[in-house]
Protein backbone atom coordinates (compact mmCIF):
# COMPACT_ATOMS: atom_id res chain seq x y z
CA UNK A 1 87.08 112.82 84.52
CA UNK A 2 87.59 112.69 80.78
CA UNK A 3 89.12 109.38 79.70
CA UNK A 4 91.26 108.50 76.70
CA UNK A 5 88.39 106.42 75.39
CA UNK A 6 86.02 109.41 75.51
CA UNK A 7 88.54 111.61 73.67
CA UNK A 8 89.31 109.02 71.02
CA UNK A 9 85.67 108.10 70.41
CA UNK A 10 84.79 111.78 69.88
CA UNK A 11 87.82 112.23 67.59
CA UNK A 12 86.82 109.18 65.56
CA UNK A 13 83.53 110.94 64.76
CA UNK A 14 85.11 114.27 63.80
CA UNK A 15 87.83 116.68 64.92
CA UNK A 16 86.99 120.38 64.99
CA UNK A 17 89.90 122.82 65.27
CA UNK A 18 88.73 126.03 66.93
CA UNK A 19 90.17 129.30 65.55
CA UNK A 20 92.35 129.84 68.64
CA UNK A 21 93.90 126.40 68.19
CA UNK A 22 94.70 127.04 64.54
CA UNK A 23 96.31 130.37 65.42
CA UNK A 24 98.46 128.77 68.11
CA UNK A 25 99.41 125.84 65.89
CA UNK A 26 100.47 128.17 63.06
CA UNK A 27 102.59 130.49 65.19
CA UNK A 28 106.07 130.67 63.58
CA UNK A 29 107.79 129.37 66.71
CA UNK A 30 105.46 126.33 66.92
CA UNK A 31 104.25 125.14 63.52
CA UNK A 32 102.28 122.21 64.93
CA UNK A 33 100.67 120.16 62.18
CA UNK A 34 97.23 118.58 62.17
CA UNK A 35 99.02 115.23 61.90
CA UNK A 36 100.90 115.97 65.15
CA UNK A 37 97.67 116.89 66.95
CA UNK A 38 96.14 113.62 65.75
CA UNK A 39 99.20 111.77 67.11
CA UNK A 40 98.65 113.37 70.52
CA UNK A 41 94.95 112.44 70.47
CA UNK A 42 95.39 108.84 69.39
CA UNK A 43 98.72 108.01 71.09
CA UNK A 44 99.05 110.50 73.95
CA UNK A 45 97.79 110.62 77.52
CA UNK A 46 95.41 112.81 79.50
CA UNK A 47 97.44 114.70 82.12
CA UNK A 48 94.92 117.22 83.48
CA UNK A 49 91.13 117.39 83.66
CA UNK A 50 89.18 120.66 83.55
CA UNK A 51 85.57 119.86 84.53
CA UNK A 52 84.61 123.51 85.11
CA UNK A 53 86.21 125.05 82.01
CA UNK A 54 84.04 127.89 80.63
CA UNK A 55 84.27 126.26 77.18
CA UNK A 56 82.90 123.00 78.57
CA UNK A 57 84.51 120.01 80.24
CA UNK A 58 87.95 119.66 78.68
CA UNK A 59 91.31 118.06 79.29
CA UNK A 60 95.01 118.57 78.64
CA UNK A 61 96.79 115.85 76.71
CA UNK A 62 100.49 115.18 76.26
CA UNK A 63 101.94 113.48 73.24
CA UNK A 64 104.94 113.68 70.97
CA UNK A 65 105.18 115.04 67.47
CA UNK A 66 107.80 115.38 64.79
CA UNK A 67 111.29 114.78 66.14
CA UNK A 68 109.74 113.49 69.39
CA UNK A 69 108.99 117.06 70.51
CA UNK A 70 106.45 117.25 73.35
CA UNK A 71 103.07 118.74 72.44
CA UNK A 72 100.18 119.70 74.70
CA UNK A 73 96.64 119.69 73.31
CA UNK A 74 93.61 121.02 75.18
CA UNK A 75 90.46 119.37 73.86
CA UNK A 76 86.80 118.97 74.73
CA UNK A 77 84.86 115.85 73.71
CA UNK A 78 81.35 116.59 72.47
CA UNK A 79 78.59 114.24 71.34
CA UNK A 80 79.44 114.60 67.64
CA UNK A 81 83.07 115.74 67.61
CA UNK A 82 86.25 116.51 69.52
CA UNK A 83 86.91 120.24 69.83
CA UNK A 84 90.58 121.20 69.75
CA UNK A 85 90.79 124.30 71.94
CA UNK A 86 94.53 124.89 71.71
CA UNK A 87 97.85 123.18 71.05
CA UNK A 88 101.28 124.33 72.16
CA UNK A 89 104.84 123.25 72.90
CA UNK A 90 105.36 123.05 76.66
CA UNK A 91 108.48 124.79 77.92
CA UNK A 92 110.85 124.02 80.79
CA UNK A 93 110.02 127.28 82.58
CA UNK A 94 106.50 126.03 83.33
CA UNK A 95 106.86 122.24 83.13
CA UNK A 96 109.03 119.58 84.73
CA UNK A 97 111.15 117.43 82.35
CA UNK A 98 108.38 114.79 82.22
CA UNK A 99 106.12 117.45 80.53
CA UNK A 100 103.26 116.21 82.77
CA UNK A 101 103.95 118.16 85.96
CA UNK A 102 103.63 121.93 86.34
CA UNK A 103 106.43 123.78 88.12
């Protein structure tokens, strides 16, 4: 299982935003800033672990951005960097009010 320490150590080396992540972050209905993603990484929690992800072992993190809005970040710690795979705003149709539990 990926731990917070593993994520934060990789992020301290370098954070790499994959093209998909940047596209999702810049969607007009999201507008998630790099600062907000960093807040999730350094102050959020790991809520799901994806050991068999085709992009490599990754995890889903929950944190809060501007205006305390919930943000989910999928990331994959590597030896030299933390890859940000995607970032999005979780919605109530798919998530319980705690933003940690899938419906």
